[in-house]
Amino acid sequence: MVVILFRLLIIFAIIFFIYSAYKYIVNPKRKLEIAQENKTFYFYDDENNVKKNFLITYKGALFEGEKYLGTTEQAFEVVTITVWTKHPDLLKGISREDLYFIEKEILIKYPHAKIEWRHPIKNIFCD
């Protein structure tokens, strides 16, 4: 009887380990961190939750965007997005074309949105 319980305990432990490994591998926050380390593009967003900010990594810089809900002619949509970075020192090497690329990717998900950049990123558009 003890042997059977021990075997069941081992099977449950293995199943729990496989489940935990799977959840770790498919975690979007982990994918965001890997993309930032590899200096690639990744868009992390919960489109169904307007109150939750989205995160974008591009060329090693991490951008955060805040969504604001408003009305369009047809429905309630995200109409304004404010984008900033907490670490401006990571912006080295990012050009105006890179920011246009980020804007384009945001507009793919939120086509009715007006994008506003905060300091110091907005200074590159004023030049």
Protein backbone atom coordinates (compact mmCIF):
# COMPACT_ATOMS: atom_id res chain seq x y z
CA MET A 1 0.00 0.00 0.00
CA VAL A 2 2.81 2.41 0.87
CA VAL A 3 4.54 1.62 -2.42
CA ILE A 4 1.42 2.50 -4.41
CA LEU A 5 1.01 5.81 -2.58
CA PHE A 6 4.68 6.60 -3.15
CA ARG A 7 4.31 5.89 -6.89
CA LEU A 8 1.23 8.13 -7.08
CA LEU A 9 3.12 10.88 -5.29
CA ILE A 10 5.98 10.60 -7.79
CA ILE A 11 3.55 10.71 -10.74
CA PHE A 12 1.84 13.82 -9.33
CA ALA A 13 5.23 15.45 -8.76
CA ILE A 14 6.27 14.76 -12.36
CA ILE A 15 2.98 16.12 -13.72
CA PHE A 16 3.32 19.23 -11.55
CA PHE A 17 6.93 19.76 -12.74
CA ILE A 18 5.92 19.46 -16.41
CA TYR A 19 3.00 21.87 -15.90
CA SER A 20 5.24 24.40 -14.11
CA ALA A 21 7.88 24.18 -16.85
CA TYR A 22 5.23 24.72 -19.53
CA LYS A 23 3.79 27.77 -17.74
CA TYR A 24 7.30 29.20 -17.38
CA ILE A 25 8.14 28.71 -21.04
CA VAL A 26 4.96 30.30 -22.42
CA ASN A 27 4.93 33.24 -19.96
CA PRO A 28 4.71 36.47 -22.03
CA LYS A 29 6.71 38.49 -19.47
CA ARG A 30 9.59 36.05 -19.92
CA LYS A 31 9.33 36.45 -23.70
CA LEU A 32 9.49 40.22 -23.22
CA GLU A 33 12.67 39.93 -21.14
CA ILE A 34 14.28 37.63 -23.71
CA ALA A 35 13.38 40.02 -26.54
CA GLN A 36 14.90 42.91 -24.60
CA GLU A 37 18.12 40.97 -24.00
CA ASN A 38 18.28 39.98 -27.70
CA LYS A 39 17.38 43.55 -28.76
CA THR A 40 14.43 42.41 -30.86
CA PHE A 41 10.86 43.67 -31.13
CA TYR A 42 8.15 42.31 -28.83
CA PHE A 43 4.71 43.74 -28.04
CA TYR A 44 3.22 42.62 -24.70
CA ASP A 45 -0.40 43.68 -24.28
CA ASP A 46 -3.73 42.55 -22.90
CA GLU A 47 -6.07 43.99 -25.53
CA ASN A 48 -9.17 43.08 -23.52
CA ASN A 49 -8.07 45.13 -20.49
CA VAL A 50 -7.94 48.86 -21.30
CA LYS A 51 -6.73 49.73 -17.80
CA LYS A 52 -3.57 47.64 -18.17
CA ASN A 53 -0.59 49.32 -19.82
CA PHE A 54 1.26 47.61 -22.65
CA LEU A 55 5.00 47.07 -22.93
CA ILE A 56 7.13 47.17 -26.08
CA THR A 57 10.77 46.30 -26.36
CA TYR A 58 12.77 47.34 -29.40
CA LYS A 59 16.54 47.45 -29.84
CA GLY A 60 17.01 46.84 -26.11
CA ALA A 61 14.83 49.76 -24.98
CA LEU A 62 11.64 49.16 -23.04
CA PHE A 63 8.66 51.39 -23.79
CA GLU A 64 5.45 51.54 -21.79
CA GLY A 65 2.14 52.72 -23.19
CA GLU A 66 -0.94 53.87 -21.36
CA LYS A 67 -4.28 53.44 -23.13
CA TYR A 68 -7.24 55.82 -22.81
CA LEU A 69 -10.72 54.80 -23.83
CA GLY A 70 -12.92 57.17 -25.80
CA THR A 71 -15.62 57.26 -28.42
CA THR A 72 -15.32 56.94 -32.15
CA GLU A 73 -18.13 57.23 -34.69
CA GLN A 74 -19.00 53.56 -34.27
CA ALA A 75 -18.05 52.41 -30.74
CA PHE A 76 -15.92 52.89 -27.67
CA GLU A 77 -12.28 52.35 -28.62
CA VAL A 78 -8.81 53.24 -27.43
CA VAL A 79 -8.43 56.76 -28.79
CA THR A 80 -5.29 58.04 -27.07
CA ILE A 81 -2.06 56.27 -26.18
CA THR A 82 0.78 57.85 -24.24
CA VAL A 83 4.17 56.18 -24.66
CA TRP A 84 7.30 56.69 -22.54
CA THR A 85 10.36 54.91 -21.25
CA LYS A 86 11.57 54.62 -17.68
CA HIS A 87 15.20 54.27 -18.79
CA PRO A 88 16.07 57.02 -21.28
CA ASP A 89 19.71 55.93 -21.29
CA LEU A 90 18.67 52.80 -23.24
CA LEU A 91 17.41 54.97 -26.12
CA LYS A 92 20.94 55.34 -27.50
CA GLY A 93 20.91 54.28 -31.14
CA ILE A 94 17.17 54.58 -31.64
CA SER A 95 16.31 56.81 -34.57
CA ARG A 96 13.19 58.61 -35.74
CA GLU A 97 12.49 55.76 -38.18
CA ASP A 98 12.55 53.30 -35.27
CA LEU A 99 9.95 55.37 -33.45
CA TYR A 100 7.81 55.46 -36.60
CA PHE A 101 8.06 51.66 -36.72
CA ILE A 102 6.86 51.45 -33.10
CA GLU A 103 3.99 53.82 -33.88
CA LYS A 104 3.01 51.68 -36.87
CA GLU A 105 2.95 48.53 -34.72
CA ILE A 106 0.80 50.25 -32.10
CA LEU A 107 -1.61 51.51 -34.77
CA ILE A 108 -2.00 47.96 -36.09
CA LYS A 109 -3.54 46.95 -32.74
CA TYR A 110 -5.27 50.27 -32.03
CA PRO A 111 -6.14 51.90 -35.39
CA HIS A 112 -8.23 54.75 -33.90
CA ALA A 113 -5.56 55.85 -31.44
CA LYS A 114 -3.59 59.07 -31.41
CA ILE A 115 -0.10 58.41 -30.08
CA GLU A 116 1.58 60.91 -27.78
CA TRP A 117 5.21 60.56 -26.76
CA ARG A 118 6.56 61.82 -23.44
CA HIS A 119 9.90 63.48 -22.77
CA PRO A 120 12.63 62.81 -23.97
CA ILE A 121 11.19 60.91 -26.93
CA LYS A 122 8.86 63.72 -28.03
CA ASN A 123 11.89 65.99 -28.53
CA ILE A 124 13.00 63.94 -31.55
CA PHE A 125 9.68 64.74 -33.31
CA CYS A 126 9.98 68.48 -32.61
CA ASP A 127 13.33 68.82 -34.39
